[in-house]
Amino acid sequence: MDGTRLVTHLAGLGRLAVAFSGGADSALVLAAAVRALGPADVLAVTANSASLAAVELACARQIAAGLGVRHLTPETAELAEPGYAANGRQRCYFCKTTVLTTIAEVAVAQGFPALATGTNADDAVDPFRPGIRAGDEIGVHTPLRTLGLTKRDVRAIARGWGLAWADKPAAPCLASRVRYGIPITTATLARVEQAESAVRRFLDDRGLTCHDLRVRDLGGTARIELDAAVAAEAHDDPRLLDAVRSLGFAEVAVASFRSGALNHEPD
């Protein structure tokens, strides 16, 4: 069983810190580490910066608390890194270098020399994941990738263990919503977060359930991406368009969600 293999693998790493985003992948590594080592020998560390949505930080805190592990949330300074702020196609490399270096330093200071991430086997073959190289250079463990566990495997193991977040939608950092070439600033990230919060409120008011939701910042315009059925039902509702337009976007459109959409569009 894949879950057993993962627990056995982590047991061999000893005291372990997990770079914990709150997503399903790193949450599974954290849960498996607790099974392998016990909560006292596991540390969750979440990078707290403008690129992490407040709702995701709150979710990370809840998951860590439920697993009984100590959870640290050091502030990280990606925005001070010119390669990140410029928002070129290697942005994730500069981000992960900054974030994982900070997390590793915090972990070592707390007595946790080994650091693992939630990088999975699908990530390893995705051509749009320059951040993986940063992790490899720093020397972090990637147990899911090492064992060949995909996102589908992650969710299957989590369901088998009865973990409530097994089907949690992917929630990449806020910067991933900004078209390449548009500088990343605190204000840019805050506007994306506010726009997605506004869309969620609209959907709640309409009684619509949406699994995947993004607001893409295309410069002066925004694109709201929703599950296809939801997008079809809400695409021309002026309340939805106005809610996002009011945040400073000149034009707003609605489209079906496509994972990593900006990676496939010209800068």
Protein backbone atom coordinates (compact mmCIF):
# COMPACT_ATOMS: atom_id res chain seq x y z
CA MET A 1 0.00 0.00 0.00
CA ASP A 2 1.33 3.43 -0.98
CA GLY A 3 0.49 4.96 2.39
CA THR A 4 2.53 2.31 4.18
CA ARG A 5 5.47 2.87 1.83
CA LEU A 6 5.34 6.59 2.53
CA VAL A 7 5.26 6.13 6.30
CA THR A 8 8.16 3.66 6.14
CA HIS A 9 10.19 6.03 3.97
CA LEU A 10 9.64 8.97 6.33
CA ALA A 11 10.53 6.89 9.37
CA GLY A 12 13.98 6.54 7.87
CA LEU A 13 14.52 10.29 7.73
CA GLY A 14 14.34 10.86 11.48
CA ARG A 15 13.19 14.14 13.04
CA LEU A 16 11.54 15.97 10.20
CA ALA A 17 10.38 19.48 9.32
CA VAL A 18 7.81 19.82 6.55
CA ALA A 19 7.53 22.89 4.33
CA PHE A 20 3.78 23.06 4.73
CA SER A 21 1.71 25.17 2.33
CA GLY A 22 -1.62 23.83 3.56
CA GLY A 23 -2.21 22.03 0.26
CA ALA A 24 -3.06 18.35 -0.02
CA ASP A 25 0.45 17.23 -1.00
CA SER A 26 2.38 18.77 1.87
CA ALA A 27 -0.49 17.95 4.22
CA LEU A 28 -0.14 14.26 3.35
CA VAL A 29 3.61 14.38 3.95
CA LEU A 30 2.90 16.02 7.32
CA ALA A 31 0.26 13.44 8.24
CA ALA A 32 2.48 10.55 7.18
CA ALA A 33 5.41 11.97 9.14
CA VAL A 34 3.25 12.05 12.26
CA ARG A 35 2.36 8.39 11.70
CA ALA A 36 6.02 7.54 11.16
CA LEU A 37 7.68 9.58 13.89
CA GLY A 38 5.03 10.86 16.29
CA PRO A 39 3.99 14.52 16.52
CA ALA A 40 6.84 15.51 18.84
CA ASP A 41 9.41 14.72 16.15
CA VAL A 42 7.61 16.58 13.36
CA LEU A 43 7.57 20.33 12.72
CA ALA A 44 5.30 22.13 10.25
CA VAL A 45 6.68 25.37 8.81
CA THR A 46 4.55 27.62 6.61
CA ALA A 47 6.07 30.57 4.76
CA ASN A 48 3.94 33.57 5.64
CA SER A 49 4.09 36.30 3.02
CA ALA A 50 1.94 38.44 0.77
CA SER A 51 1.81 35.59 -1.76
CA LEU A 52 -0.10 33.31 0.64
CA ALA A 53 -3.82 33.97 0.85
CA ALA A 54 -5.12 34.45 4.38
CA VAL A 55 -7.66 31.67 3.87
CA GLU A 56 -4.85 29.24 3.02
CA LEU A 57 -2.83 30.19 6.11
CA ALA A 58 -5.91 29.64 8.27
CA CYS A 59 -6.42 26.22 6.66
CA ALA A 60 -2.78 25.29 7.26
CA ARG A 61 -3.10 26.22 10.93
CA GLN A 62 -6.22 24.07 11.25
CA ILE A 63 -4.64 21.01 9.63
CA ALA A 64 -1.46 21.27 11.70
CA ALA A 65 -3.45 21.67 14.90
CA GLY A 66 -5.56 18.64 14.01
CA LEU A 67 -2.41 16.56 13.58
CA GLY A 68 -1.02 17.79 16.89
CA VAL A 69 2.23 19.15 15.48
CA ARG A 70 3.99 22.39 16.30
CA HIS A 71 3.43 24.90 13.52
CA LEU A 72 5.69 27.88 12.81
CA THR A 73 4.84 30.62 10.32
CA PRO A 74 7.96 32.71 9.66
CA GLU A 75 7.64 35.72 7.42
CA THR A 76 9.49 35.34 4.12
CA ALA A 77 10.77 38.05 1.83
CA GLU A 78 10.19 36.89 -1.74
CA LEU A 79 9.20 40.41 -2.75
CA ALA A 80 12.69 41.66 -1.90
CA GLU A 81 14.17 39.27 -4.48
CA PRO A 82 14.38 41.11 -7.86
CA GLY A 83 14.02 37.88 -9.83
CA TYR A 84 10.72 37.18 -8.11
CA ALA A 85 9.35 40.72 -8.25
CA ALA A 86 10.09 40.99 -11.98
CA ASN A 87 7.71 38.05 -12.56
CA GLY A 88 9.52 36.33 -15.38
CA ARG A 89 9.01 32.67 -16.20
CA GLN A 90 11.64 31.65 -13.63
CA ARG A 91 9.74 33.45 -10.84
CA CYS A 92 9.06 30.23 -8.93
CA TYR A 93 12.77 29.42 -8.82
CA PHE A 94 13.56 32.69 -7.06
CA CYS A 95 10.54 32.29 -4.79
CA LYS A 96 11.36 28.74 -3.70
CA THR A 97 15.02 29.59 -3.17
CA THR A 98 14.03 32.36 -0.75
CA VAL A 99 11.22 30.46 0.94
CA LEU A 100 12.96 27.10 1.37
CA THR A 101 16.18 28.72 2.58
CA THR A 102 14.21 30.57 5.25
CA ILE A 103 12.23 27.46 6.24
CA ALA A 104 15.40 25.34 6.40
CA GLU A 105 17.10 27.87 8.67
CA VAL A 106 14.08 27.97 10.98
CA ALA A 107 13.90 24.17 11.05
CA VAL A 108 17.59 23.72 11.89
CA ALA A 109 17.32 26.31 14.66
CA GLN A 110 14.48 24.24 16.14
CA GLY A 111 16.49 21.01 15.99
CA PHE A 112 15.07 19.61 12.75
CA PRO A 113 17.94 19.12 10.28
CA ALA A 114 15.85 17.28 7.66
CA LEU A 115 13.30 19.19 5.57
CA ALA A 116 10.67 17.70 3.25
CA THR A 117 8.31 19.26 0.73
CA GLY A 118 5.11 18.05 -0.90
CA THR A 119 6.55 17.89 -4.43
CA ASN A 120 4.86 14.93 -6.11
CA ALA A 121 5.63 12.78 -9.13
CA ASP A 122 3.36 14.83 -11.40
CA ASP A 123 5.22 18.00 -10.44
CA ALA A 124 8.52 16.40 -11.38
CA VAL A 125 7.50 16.05 -15.04
CA ASP A 126 5.69 19.40 -15.31
CA PRO A 127 7.81 21.73 -17.50
CA PHE A 128 6.44 24.76 -15.65
CA ARG A 129 7.92 23.94 -12.22
CA PRO A 130 11.26 25.78 -11.98
CA GLY A 131 10.87 25.89 -8.20
CA ILE A 132 11.69 22.18 -8.01
CA ARG A 133 15.26 22.95 -9.06
CA ALA A 134 15.56 25.35 -6.13
CA GLY A 135 14.53 22.63 -3.70
CA ASP A 136 17.01 20.19 -5.20
CA GLU A 137 19.81 22.74 -4.88
CA ILE A 138 18.98 23.33 -1.23
CA GLY A 139 18.81 19.59 -0.56
CA VAL A 140 15.24 19.12 0.63
CA HIS A 141 13.60 15.70 0.69
CA THR A 142 10.75 15.06 -1.74
CA PRO A 143 9.23 11.79 -0.50
CA LEU A 144 6.21 11.82 -2.82
CA ARG A 145 8.41 12.30 -5.86
CA THR A 146 10.95 9.75 -4.62
CA LEU A 147 8.24 7.11 -4.26
CA GLY A 148 6.55 8.02 -7.54
CA LEU A 149 3.33 9.17 -5.87
CA THR A 150 1.10 11.36 -8.05
CA LYS A 151 -1.59 13.83 -7.06
CA ARG A 152 -4.15 11.09 -7.59
CA ASP A 153 -2.21 8.81 -5.25
CA VAL A 154 -2.01 11.58 -2.65
CA ARG A 155 -5.77 12.02 -2.62
CA ALA A 156 -6.38 8.26 -2.53
CA ILE A 157 -4.09 7.80 0.49
CA ALA A 158 -5.64 10.76 2.27
CA ARG A 159 -9.14 9.37 1.68
CA GLY A 160 -8.04 5.96 2.92
CA TRP A 161 -6.78 7.57 6.11
CA GLY A 162 -10.05 9.47 6.52
CA LEU A 163 -8.44 12.90 6.25
CA ALA A 164 -11.03 15.64 5.80
CA TRP A 165 -8.95 17.63 3.33
CA ALA A 166 -8.34 14.75 0.90
CA ASP A 167 -10.18 16.50 -1.93
CA LYS A 168 -9.06 20.06 -1.10
CA PRO A 169 -8.68 22.01 -4.36
CA ALA A 170 -5.20 23.03 -5.41
CA ALA A 171 -4.35 26.54 -4.24
CA PRO A 172 -1.08 27.79 -5.73
CA CYS A 173 0.37 31.07 -4.53
CA LEU A 174 -1.29 34.36 -5.44
CA ALA A 175 1.59 35.32 -7.74
CA SER A 176 0.62 32.47 -10.06
CA ARG A 177 -2.51 34.45 -10.95
CA VAL A 178 -0.49 37.37 -12.37
CA ARG A 179 0.49 37.37 -16.04
CA TYR A 180 4.23 37.05 -16.57
CA GLY A 181 5.94 40.40 -16.99
CA ILE A 182 3.59 42.30 -14.68
CA PRO A 183 5.68 43.18 -11.60
CA ILE A 184 4.71 41.41 -8.39
CA THR A 185 4.00 43.85 -5.57
CA THR A 186 2.17 43.64 -2.28
CA ALA A 187 -0.65 45.65 -3.86
CA THR A 188 -0.86 43.34 -6.88
CA LEU A 189 -1.17 40.26 -4.68
CA ALA A 190 -3.66 41.92 -2.34
CA ARG A 191 -5.90 42.87 -5.27
CA VAL A 192 -5.96 39.29 -6.55
CA GLU A 193 -6.81 38.00 -3.08
CA GLN A 194 -9.58 40.58 -2.65
CA ALA A 195 -10.98 39.75 -6.08
CA GLU A 196 -11.15 36.03 -5.32
CA SER A 197 -12.80 36.75 -1.98
CA ALA A 198 -15.38 38.89 -3.77
CA VAL A 199 -16.08 36.10 -6.26
CA ARG A 200 -16.53 33.58 -3.43
CA ARG A 201 -19.01 35.89 -1.71
CA PHE A 202 -20.95 36.23 -4.95
CA LEU A 203 -21.06 32.47 -5.45
CA ASP A 204 -22.18 31.93 -1.86
CA ASP A 205 -24.97 34.47 -2.33
CA ARG A 206 -26.08 32.70 -5.50
CA GLY A 207 -25.86 29.28 -3.84
CA LEU A 208 -23.31 28.12 -6.39
CA THR A 209 -20.61 25.60 -5.49
CA CYS A 210 -17.30 25.91 -7.32
CA HIS A 211 -14.34 23.57 -6.86
CA ASP A 212 -11.70 25.57 -8.75
CA LEU A 213 -11.64 29.36 -8.70
CA ARG A 214 -9.02 31.81 -9.93
CA VAL A 215 -8.92 35.50 -10.75
CA ARG A 216 -6.14 36.08 -13.28
CA ASP A 217 -4.56 39.55 -13.33
CA LEU A 218 -3.83 40.28 -16.99
CA GLY A 219 -2.74 43.88 -16.40
CA GLY A 220 -5.61 46.30 -16.80
CA THR A 221 -8.08 43.45 -17.15
CA ALA A 222 -9.02 40.38 -15.13
CA ARG A 223 -10.27 36.94 -16.05
CA ILE A 224 -12.42 35.04 -13.55
CA GLU A 225 -11.99 31.29 -14.04
CA LEU A 226 -14.60 28.94 -12.58
CA ASP A 227 -15.75 25.35 -13.00
CA ALA A 228 -17.24 25.13 -16.49
CA ALA A 229 -20.87 24.72 -15.35
CA VAL A 230 -20.58 27.59 -12.87
CA ALA A 231 -18.90 29.82 -15.45
CA ALA A 232 -21.74 29.16 -17.89
CA GLU A 233 -24.36 30.08 -15.31
CA ALA A 234 -22.68 33.19 -13.92
CA HIS A 235 -20.70 34.61 -16.83
CA ASP A 236 -23.04 37.50 -17.62
CA ASP A 237 -24.18 38.41 -14.11
CA PRO A 238 -23.33 42.11 -13.70
CA ARG A 239 -22.96 41.71 -9.93
CA LEU A 240 -20.07 39.31 -10.43
CA LEU A 241 -18.35 41.46 -13.04
CA ASP A 242 -18.85 44.66 -11.02
CA ALA A 243 -17.50 43.06 -7.83
CA VAL A 244 -14.15 42.47 -9.51
CA ARG A 245 -14.20 45.60 -11.66
CA SER A 246 -14.59 47.70 -8.52
CA LEU A 247 -11.10 46.63 -7.43
CA GLY A 248 -9.53 48.59 -10.27
CA PHE A 249 -9.77 46.30 -13.30
CA ALA A 250 -10.94 48.09 -16.44
CA GLU A 251 -12.46 44.97 -17.96
CA VAL A 252 -13.52 41.62 -16.49
CA ALA A 253 -14.38 38.38 -18.28
CA VAL A 254 -15.47 34.95 -17.09
CA ALA A 255 -14.06 31.69 -18.44
CA SER A 256 -13.80 28.01 -17.57
CA PHE A 257 -10.99 27.13 -15.20
CA ARG A 258 -7.77 25.87 -16.72
CA SER A 259 -4.93 24.83 -14.43
CA GLY A 260 -1.75 26.82 -15.06
CA ALA A 261 -3.47 28.85 -17.76
CA LEU A 262 -0.91 31.66 -17.76
CA ASN A 263 1.92 29.20 -18.44
CA HIS A 264 0.37 28.54 -21.84
CA GLU A 265 -0.20 32.17 -22.81
CA PRO A 266 2.31 34.65 -24.27
CA ASP A 267 3.84 37.15 -21.83
